[in-house]
Amino acid sequence: MLKEIEEIRLESERAIKELRQHIYGLQSNFFMRWDAKATIKKAEMKIEMIQQLLVKLETLSEQITPVVNDLKSIIGFRMVNSRKNNI
């Protein structure tokens, strides 16, 4: 699960980078297309939304990590005890 969270975070950062490059490309043209401002605004909104969701994901992952570690330790403890009882 933690690997999946890390993959999502990396993919989100990659998407933000691509959106920023797209915005820069649109802004650097001397003759902007008629819809460039709307496209830039949409890209900026996507970046902001992704960043907000990344903050939420980070907060949730900080809450999940101790729970997962506790569950692993309990399950591992039970597995060790059940193996001892079977022997």
PDB file of N, CA and C in Angstrom:
ATOM      1  N   MET A   1       0.823  -1.188   0.000  1.00  0.00           N
ATOM      2  CA  MET A   1       0.000   0.000   0.000  1.00  0.00           C
ATOM      3  C   MET A   1       0.870   1.255   0.000  1.00  0.00           C
ATOM      4  N   LEU A   2       1.937   1.230   0.784  1.00  0.00           N
ATOM      5  CA  LEU A   2       2.814   2.393   0.835  1.00  0.00           C
ATOM      6  C   LEU A   2       3.524   2.614  -0.499  1.00  0.00           C
ATOM      7  N   LYS A   3       3.815   1.527  -1.202  1.00  0.00           N
ATOM      8  CA  LYS A   3       4.422   1.657  -2.529  1.00  0.00           C
ATOM      9  C   LYS A   3       3.458   2.330  -3.493  1.00  0.00           C
ATOM     10  N   GLU A   4       2.193   1.968  -3.398  1.00  0.00           N
ATOM     11  CA  GLU A   4       1.178   2.570  -4.268  1.00  0.00           C
ATOM     12  C   GLU A   4       1.042   4.061  -3.993  1.00  0.00           C
ATOM     13  N   ILE A   5       1.082   4.437  -2.730  1.00  0.00           N
ATOM     14  CA  ILE A   5       1.002   5.853  -2.369  1.00  0.00           C
ATOM     15  C   ILE A   5       2.194   6.602  -2.940  1.00  0.00           C
ATOM     16  N   GLU A   6       3.370   6.016  -2.839  1.00  0.00           N
ATOM     17  CA  GLU A   6       4.574   6.651  -3.374  1.00  0.00           C
ATOM     18  C   GLU A   6       4.497   6.774  -4.894  1.00  0.00           C
ATOM     19  N   GLU A   7       3.982   5.743  -5.565  1.00  0.00           N
ATOM     20  CA  GLU A   7       3.827   5.797  -7.020  1.00  0.00           C
ATOM     21  C   GLU A   7       2.850   6.892  -7.429  1.00  0.00           C
ATOM     22  N   ILE A   8       1.755   7.013  -6.696  1.00  0.00           N
ATOM     23  CA  ILE A   8       0.773   8.062  -6.987  1.00  0.00           C
ATOM     24  C   ILE A   8       1.398   9.432  -6.792  1.00  0.00           C
ATOM     25  N   ARG A   9       2.171   9.589  -5.729  1.00  0.00           N
ATOM     26  CA  ARG A   9       2.823  10.871  -5.462  1.00  0.00           C
ATOM     27  C   ARG A   9       3.793  11.232  -6.583  1.00  0.00           C
ATOM     28  N   LEU A  10       4.599  10.275  -7.009  1.00  0.00           N
ATOM     29  CA  LEU A  10       5.560  10.529  -8.087  1.00  0.00           C
ATOM     30  C   LEU A  10       4.853  10.851  -9.402  1.00  0.00           C
ATOM     31  N   GLU A  11       3.798  10.118  -9.706  1.00  0.00           N
ATOM     32  CA  GLU A  11       3.046  10.368 -10.939  1.00  0.00           C
ATOM     33  C   GLU A  11       2.380  11.742 -10.896  1.00  0.00           C
ATOM     34  N   SER A  12       1.896  12.139  -9.726  1.00  0.00           N
ATOM     35  CA  SER A  12       1.279  13.461  -9.578  1.00  0.00           C
ATOM     36  C   SER A  12       2.307  14.565  -9.781  1.00  0.00           C
ATOM     37  N   GLU A  13       3.492  14.385  -9.216  1.00  0.00           N
ATOM     38  CA  GLU A  13       4.550  15.381  -9.402  1.00  0.00           C
ATOM     39  C   GLU A  13       4.956  15.473 -10.869  1.00  0.00           C
ATOM     40  N   ARG A  14       4.978  14.339 -11.547  1.00  0.00           N
ATOM     41  CA  ARG A  14       5.301  14.319 -12.973  1.00  0.00           C
ATOM     42  C   ARG A  14       4.224  15.067 -13.769  1.00  0.00           C
ATOM     43  N   ALA A  15       2.969  14.867 -13.401  1.00  0.00           N
ATOM     44  CA  ALA A  15       1.861  15.551 -14.082  1.00  0.00           C
ATOM     45  C   ALA A  15       1.935  17.058 -13.858  1.00  0.00           C
ATOM     46  N   ILE A  16       2.270  17.469 -12.640  1.00  0.00           N
ATOM     47  CA  ILE A  16       2.421  18.897 -12.345  1.00  0.00           C
ATOM     48  C   ILE A  16       3.532  19.495 -13.193  1.00  0.00           C
ATOM     49  N   LYS A  17       4.632  18.779 -13.307  1.00  0.00           N
ATOM     50  CA  LYS A  17       5.758  19.268 -14.111  1.00  0.00           C
ATOM     51  C   LYS A  17       5.348  19.429 -15.575  1.00  0.00           C
ATOM     52  N   GLU A  18       4.622  18.451 -16.108  1.00  0.00           N
ATOM     53  CA  GLU A  18       4.169  18.529 -17.496  1.00  0.00           C
ATOM     54  C   GLU A  18       3.203  19.688 -17.702  1.00  0.00           C
ATOM     55  N   LEU A  19       2.298  19.893 -16.747  1.00  0.00           N
ATOM     56  CA  LEU A  19       1.352  21.004 -16.857  1.00  0.00           C
ATOM     57  C   LEU A  19       2.075  22.346 -16.816  1.00  0.00           C
ATOM     58  N   ARG A  20       3.077  22.462 -15.960  1.00  0.00           N
ATOM     59  CA  ARG A  20       3.845  23.715 -15.887  1.00  0.00           C
ATOM     60  C   ARG A  20       4.607  23.968 -17.182  1.00  0.00           C
ATOM     61  N   GLN A  21       5.157  22.907 -17.767  1.00  0.00           N
ATOM     62  CA  GLN A  21       5.849  23.061 -19.048  1.00  0.00           C
ATOM     63  C   GLN A  21       4.868  23.481 -20.133  1.00  0.00           C
ATOM     64  N   HIS A  22       3.685  22.928 -20.102  1.00  0.00           N
ATOM     65  CA  HIS A  22       2.649  23.290 -21.078  1.00  0.00           C
ATOM     66  C   HIS A  22       2.272  24.763 -20.917  1.00  0.00           C
ATOM     67  N   ILE A  23       2.094  25.190 -19.673  1.00  0.00           N
ATOM     68  CA  ILE A  23       1.767  26.594 -19.403  1.00  0.00           C
ATOM     69  C   ILE A  23       2.884  27.497 -19.898  1.00  0.00           C
ATOM     70  N   TYR A  24       4.126  27.129 -19.593  1.00  0.00           N
ATOM     71  CA  TYR A  24       5.266  27.936 -20.025  1.00  0.00           C
ATOM     72  C   TYR A  24       5.314  28.027 -21.546  1.00  0.00           C
ATOM     73  N   GLY A  25       5.049  26.901 -22.212  1.00  0.00           N
ATOM     74  CA  GLY A  25       5.049  26.899 -23.675  1.00  0.00           C
ATOM     75  C   GLY A  25       3.984  27.815 -24.248  1.00  0.00           C
ATOM     76  N   LEU A  26       2.822  27.820 -23.628  1.00  0.00           N
ATOM     77  CA  LEU A  26       1.751  28.700 -24.103  1.00  0.00           C
ATOM     78  C   LEU A  26       2.069  30.167 -23.840  1.00  0.00           C
ATOM     79  N   GLN A  27       2.670  30.450 -22.691  1.00  0.00           N
ATOM     80  CA  GLN A  27       2.974  31.834 -22.337  1.00  0.00           C
ATOM     81  C   GLN A  27       4.150  32.395 -23.124  1.00  0.00           C
ATOM     82  N   SER A  28       5.044  31.524 -23.571  1.00  0.00           N
ATOM     83  CA  SER A  28       6.243  32.006 -24.254  1.00  0.00           C
ATOM     84  C   SER A  28       5.996  32.369 -25.719  1.00  0.00           C
ATOM     85  N   ASN A  29       4.874  31.938 -26.272  1.00  0.00           N
ATOM     86  CA  ASN A  29       4.559  32.294 -27.655  1.00  0.00           C
ATOM     87  C   ASN A  29       4.235  33.777 -27.750  1.00  0.00           C
ATOM     88  N   PHE A  30       4.836  34.426 -28.734  1.00  0.00           N
ATOM     89  CA  PHE A  30       4.582  35.852 -28.918  1.00  0.00           C
ATOM     90  C   PHE A  30       3.138  36.084 -29.342  1.00  0.00           C
ATOM     91  N   PHE A  31       2.666  35.254 -30.251  1.00  0.00           N
ATOM     92  CA  PHE A  31       1.277  35.329 -30.686  1.00  0.00           C
ATOM     93  C   PHE A  31       0.511  34.187 -30.019  1.00  0.00           C
ATOM     94  N   MET A  32      -0.176  34.517 -28.948  1.00  0.00           N
ATOM     95  CA  MET A  32      -0.925  33.500 -28.215  1.00  0.00           C
ATOM     96  C   MET A  32      -2.191  33.134 -28.981  1.00  0.00           C
ATOM     97  N   ARG A  33      -2.536  31.871 -28.934  1.00  0.00           N
ATOM     98  CA  ARG A  33      -3.791  31.438 -29.543  1.00  0.00           C
ATOM     99  C   ARG A  33      -4.945  32.058 -28.784  1.00  0.00           C
ATOM    100  N   TRP A  34      -6.080  32.115 -29.430  1.00  0.00           N
ATOM    101  CA  TRP A  34      -7.243  32.759 -28.818  1.00  0.00           C
ATOM    102  C   TRP A  34      -7.724  32.035 -27.563  1.00  0.00           C
ATOM    103  N   ASP A  35      -7.476  30.719 -27.474  1.00  0.00           N
ATOM    104  CA  ASP A  35      -7.930  29.955 -26.317  1.00  0.00           C
ATOM    105  C   ASP A  35      -6.821  29.675 -25.305  1.00  0.00           C
ATOM    106  N   ALA A  36      -5.663  30.316 -25.484  1.00  0.00           N
ATOM    107  CA  ALA A  36      -4.517  30.036 -24.616  1.00  0.00           C
ATOM    108  C   ALA A  36      -4.788  30.419 -23.161  1.00  0.00           C
ATOM    109  N   LYS A  37      -5.440  31.550 -22.948  1.00  0.00           N
ATOM    110  CA  LYS A  37      -5.702  31.981 -21.573  1.00  0.00           C
ATOM    111  C   LYS A  37      -6.592  30.980 -20.840  1.00  0.00           C
ATOM    112  N   ALA A  38      -7.595  30.479 -21.511  1.00  0.00           N
ATOM    113  CA  ALA A  38      -8.486  29.490 -20.891  1.00  0.00           C
ATOM    114  C   ALA A  38      -7.740  28.185 -20.617  1.00  0.00           C
ATOM    115  N   THR A  39      -6.890  27.785 -21.554  1.00  0.00           N
ATOM    116  CA  THR A  39      -6.105  26.567 -21.381  1.00  0.00           C
ATOM    117  C   THR A  39      -5.144  26.713 -20.213  1.00  0.00           C
ATOM    118  N   ILE A  40      -4.504  27.875 -20.111  1.00  0.00           N
ATOM    119  CA  ILE A  40      -3.581  28.141 -19.004  1.00  0.00           C
ATOM    120  C   ILE A  40      -4.329  28.100 -17.677  1.00  0.00           C
ATOM    121  N   LYS A  41      -5.492  28.711 -17.635  1.00  0.00           N
ATOM    122  CA  LYS A  41      -6.281  28.742 -16.401  1.00  0.00           C
ATOM    123  C   LYS A  41      -6.687  27.327 -15.982  1.00  0.00           C
ATOM    124  N   LYS A  42      -7.107  26.502 -16.938  1.00  0.00           N
ATOM    125  CA  LYS A  42      -7.482  25.122 -16.631  1.00  0.00           C
ATOM    126  C   LYS A  42      -6.283  24.339 -16.102  1.00  0.00           C
ATOM    127  N   ALA A  43      -5.126  24.534 -16.722  1.00  0.00           N
ATOM    128  CA  ALA A  43      -3.918  23.838 -16.279  1.00  0.00           C
ATOM    129  C   ALA A  43      -3.528  24.279 -14.871  1.00  0.00           C
ATOM    130  N   GLU A  44      -3.635  25.577 -14.597  1.00  0.00           N
ATOM    131  CA  GLU A  44      -3.319  26.076 -13.259  1.00  0.00           C
ATOM    132  C   GLU A  44      -4.290  25.515 -12.223  1.00  0.00           C
ATOM    133  N   MET A  45      -5.549  25.380 -12.591  1.00  0.00           N
ATOM    134  CA  MET A  45      -6.539  24.801 -11.675  1.00  0.00           C
ATOM    135  C   MET A  45      -6.232  23.325 -11.404  1.00  0.00           C
ATOM    136  N   LYS A  46      -5.808  22.599 -12.444  1.00  0.00           N
ATOM    137  CA  LYS A  46      -5.435  21.197 -12.261  1.00  0.00           C
ATOM    138  C   LYS A  46      -4.240  21.073 -11.330  1.00  0.00           C
ATOM    139  N   ILE A  47      -3.246  21.945 -11.523  1.00  0.00           N
ATOM    140  CA  ILE A  47      -2.061  21.921 -10.663  1.00  0.00           C
ATOM    141  C   ILE A  47      -2.459  22.155  -9.215  1.00  0.00           C
ATOM    142  N   GLU A  48      -3.299  23.157  -8.993  1.00  0.00           N
ATOM    143  CA  GLU A  48      -3.733  23.471  -7.630  1.00  0.00           C
ATOM    144  C   GLU A  48      -4.498  22.302  -7.009  1.00  0.00           C
ATOM    145  N   MET A  49      -5.375  21.672  -7.787  1.00  0.00           N
ATOM    146  CA  MET A  49      -6.151  20.549  -7.283  1.00  0.00           C
ATOM    147  C   MET A  49      -5.239  19.367  -6.943  1.00  0.00           C
ATOM    148  N   ILE A  50      -4.284  19.081  -7.813  1.00  0.00           N
ATOM    149  CA  ILE A  50      -3.351  17.981  -7.566  1.00  0.00           C
ATOM    150  C   ILE A  50      -2.549  18.251  -6.302  1.00  0.00           C
ATOM    151  N   GLN A  51      -2.084  19.487  -6.132  1.00  0.00           N
ATOM    152  CA  GLN A  51      -1.306  19.825  -4.944  1.00  0.00           C
ATOM    153  C   GLN A  51      -2.131  19.674  -3.670  1.00  0.00           C
ATOM    154  N   GLN A  52      -3.383  20.090  -3.705  1.00  0.00           N
ATOM    155  CA  GLN A  52      -4.252  19.938  -2.534  1.00  0.00           C
ATOM    156  C   GLN A  52      -4.473  18.464  -2.204  1.00  0.00           C
ATOM    157  N   LEU A  53      -4.681  17.658  -3.233  1.00  0.00           N
ATOM    158  CA  LEU A  53      -4.895  16.234  -3.006  1.00  0.00           C
ATOM    159  C   LEU A  53      -3.623  15.544  -2.519  1.00  0.00           C
ATOM    160  N   LEU A  54      -2.469  16.008  -2.975  1.00  0.00           N
ATOM    161  CA  LEU A  54      -1.212  15.451  -2.480  1.00  0.00           C
ATOM    162  C   LEU A  54      -1.030  15.738  -0.994  1.00  0.00           C
ATOM    163  N   VAL A  55      -1.426  16.926  -0.564  1.00  0.00           N
ATOM    164  CA  VAL A  55      -1.350  17.257   0.865  1.00  0.00           C
ATOM    165  C   VAL A  55      -2.261  16.328   1.660  1.00  0.00           C
ATOM    166  N   LYS A  56      -3.473  16.103   1.162  1.00  0.00           N
ATOM    167  CA  LYS A  56      -4.399  15.189   1.837  1.00  0.00           C
ATOM    168  C   LYS A  56      -3.836  13.773   1.870  1.00  0.00           C
ATOM    169  N   LEU A  57      -3.246  13.343   0.761  1.00  0.00           N
ATOM    170  CA  LEU A  57      -2.663  12.009   0.685  1.00  0.00           C
ATOM    171  C   LEU A  57      -1.528  11.858   1.683  1.00  0.00           C
ATOM    172  N   GLU A  58      -0.699  12.872   1.801  1.00  0.00           N
ATOM    173  CA  GLU A  58       0.409  12.841   2.750  1.00  0.00           C
ATOM    174  C   GLU A  58      -0.115  12.729   4.181  1.00  0.00           C
ATOM    175  N   THR A  59      -1.148  13.497   4.489  1.00  0.00           N
ATOM    176  CA  THR A  59      -1.743  13.443   5.827  1.00  0.00           C
ATOM    177  C   THR A  59      -2.307  12.057   6.112  1.00  0.00           C
ATOM    178  N   LEU A  60      -3.009  11.507   5.142  1.00  0.00           N
ATOM    179  CA  LEU A  60      -3.582  10.173   5.323  1.00  0.00           C
ATOM    180  C   LEU A  60      -2.503   9.105   5.446  1.00  0.00           C
ATOM    181  N   SER A  61      -1.443   9.228   4.664  1.00  0.00           N
ATOM    182  CA  SER A  61      -0.383   8.220   4.735  1.00  0.00           C
ATOM    183  C   SER A  61       0.327   8.274   6.081  1.00  0.00           C
ATOM    184  N   GLU A  62       0.431   9.476   6.667  1.00  0.00           N
ATOM    185  CA  GLU A  62       1.023   9.586   8.002  1.00  0.00           C
ATOM    186  C   GLU A  62       0.139   8.906   9.040  1.00  0.00           C
ATOM    187  N   GLN A  63      -1.160   8.919   8.826  1.00  0.00           N
ATOM    188  CA  GLN A  63      -2.081   8.258   9.751  1.00  0.00           C
ATOM    189  C   GLN A  63      -2.129   6.755   9.508  1.00  0.00           C
ATOM    190  N   ILE A  64      -1.956   6.341   8.265  1.00  0.00           N
ATOM    191  CA  ILE A  64      -2.059   4.928   7.912  1.00  0.00           C
ATOM    192  C   ILE A  64      -0.818   4.147   8.334  1.00  0.00           C
ATOM    193  N   THR A  65       0.343   4.745   8.217  1.00  0.00           N
ATOM    194  CA  THR A  65       1.600   4.039   8.465  1.00  0.00           C
ATOM    195  C   THR A  65       1.645   3.373   9.839  1.00  0.00           C
ATOM    196  N   PRO A  66       1.340   4.075  10.934  1.00  0.00           N
ATOM    197  CA  PRO A  66       1.382   3.396  12.235  1.00  0.00           C
ATOM    198  C   PRO A  66       0.375   2.249  12.344  1.00  0.00           C
ATOM    199  N   VAL A  67      -0.791   2.420  11.736  1.00  0.00           N
ATOM    200  CA  VAL A  67      -1.810   1.370  11.782  1.00  0.00           C
ATOM    201  C   VAL A  67      -1.322   0.132  11.037  1.00  0.00           C
ATOM    202  N   VAL A  68      -0.756   0.337   9.859  1.00  0.00           N
ATOM    203  CA  VAL A  68      -0.242  -0.788   9.071  1.00  0.00           C
ATOM    204  C   VAL A  68       0.885  -1.486   9.820  1.00  0.00           C
ATOM    205  N   ASN A  69       1.785  -0.712  10.405  1.00  0.00           N
ATOM    206  CA  ASN A  69       2.890  -1.309  11.162  1.00  0.00           C
ATOM    207  C   ASN A  69       2.374  -2.102  12.359  1.00  0.00           C
ATOM    208  N   ASP A  70       1.382  -1.566  13.059  1.00  0.00           N
ATOM    209  CA  ASP A  70       0.794  -2.291  14.188  1.00  0.00           C
ATOM    210  C   ASP A  70       0.144  -3.588  13.727  1.00  0.00           C
ATOM    211  N   LEU A  71      -0.598  -3.515  12.626  1.00  0.00           N
ATOM    212  CA  LEU A  71      -1.235  -4.727  12.100  1.00  0.00           C
ATOM    213  C   LEU A  71      -0.199  -5.771  11.698  1.00  0.00           C
ATOM    214  N   LYS A  72       0.867  -5.321  11.063  1.00  0.00           N
ATOM    215  CA  LYS A  72       1.923  -6.257  10.666  1.00  0.00           C
ATOM    216  C   LYS A  72       2.542  -6.916  11.884  1.00  0.00           C
ATOM    217  N   SER A  73       2.781  -6.128  12.918  1.00  0.00           N
ATOM    218  CA  SER A  73       3.397  -6.702  14.116  1.00  0.00           C
ATOM    219  C   SER A  73       2.447  -7.688  14.796  1.00  0.00           C
ATOM    220  N   ILE A  74       1.150  -7.370  14.839  1.00  0.00           N
ATOM    221  CA  ILE A  74       0.183  -8.280  15.459  1.00  0.00           C
ATOM    222  C   ILE A  74       0.049  -9.557  14.638  1.00  0.00           C
ATOM    223  N   ILE A  75      -0.085  -9.422  13.339  1.00  0.00           N
ATOM    224  CA  ILE A  75      -0.214 -10.595  12.470  1.00  0.00           C
ATOM    225  C   ILE A  75       1.049 -11.435  12.534  1.00  0.00           C
ATOM    226  N   GLY A  76       2.199 -10.785  12.509  1.00  0.00           N
ATOM    227  CA  GLY A  76       3.459 -11.512  12.623  1.00  0.00           C
ATOM    228  C   GLY A  76       3.555 -12.235  13.950  1.00  0.00           C
ATOM    229  N   PHE A  77       3.107 -11.591  15.015  1.00  0.00           N
ATOM    230  CA  PHE A  77       3.129 -12.196  16.345  1.00  0.00           C
ATOM    231  C   PHE A  77       2.220 -13.410  16.387  1.00  0.00           C
ATOM    232  N   ARG A  78       1.033 -13.293  15.827  1.00  0.00           N
ATOM    233  CA  ARG A  78       0.095 -14.413  15.805  1.00  0.00           C
ATOM    234  C   ARG A  78       0.626 -15.556  14.956  1.00  0.00           C
ATOM    235  N   MET A  79       1.266 -15.226  13.842  1.00  0.00           N
ATOM    236  CA  MET A  79       1.809 -16.271  12.976  1.00  0.00           C
ATOM    237  C   MET A  79       2.906 -17.029  13.703  1.00  0.00           C
ATOM    238  N   VAL A  80       3.755 -16.324  14.436  1.00  0.00           N
ATOM    239  CA  VAL A  80       4.827 -16.978  15.183  1.00  0.00           C
ATOM    240  C   VAL A  80       4.225 -17.861  16.267  1.00  0.00           C
ATOM    241  N   ASN A  81       3.222 -17.356  16.989  1.00  0.00           N
ATOM    242  CA  ASN A  81       2.577 -18.139  18.044  1.00  0.00           C
ATOM    243  C   ASN A  81       1.848 -19.349  17.485  1.00  0.00           C
ATOM    244  N   SER A  82       1.171 -19.193  16.362  1.00  0.00           N
ATOM    245  CA  SER A  82       0.442 -20.327  15.793  1.00  0.00           C
ATOM    246  C   SER A  82       1.405 -21.389  15.282  1.00  0.00           C
ATOM    247  N   ARG A  83       2.547 -20.992  14.795  1.00  0.00           N
ATOM    248  CA  ARG A  83       3.547 -21.965  14.342  1.00  0.00           C
ATOM    249  C   ARG A  83       4.112 -22.724  15.533  1.00  0.00           C
ATOM    250  N   LYS A  84       4.335 -22.031  16.646  1.00  0.00           N
ATOM    251  CA  LYS A  84       4.855 -22.697  17.843  1.00  0.00           C
ATOM    252  C   LYS A  84       3.841 -23.704  18.375  1.00  0.00           C
ATOM    253  N   ASN A  85       2.561 -23.346  18.311  1.00  0.00           N
ATOM    254  CA  ASN A  85       1.523 -24.250  18.807  1.00  0.00           C
ATOM    255  C   ASN A  85       1.386 -25.483  17.921  1.00  0.00           C
ATOM    256  N   ASN A  86       1.659 -25.334  16.630  1.00  0.00           N
ATOM    257  CA  ASN A  86       1.547 -26.464  15.709  1.00  0.00           C
ATOM    258  C   ASN A  86       2.705 -27.434  15.848  1.00  0.00           C
ATOM    259  N   ILE A  87       3.821 -26.970  16.369  1.00  0.00           N
ATOM    260  CA  ILE A  87       5.011 -27.831  16.463  1.00  0.00           C
ATOM    261  C   ILE A  87       4.952 -28.699  17.655  1.00  0.00           C
TER     262      ILE A  87
END
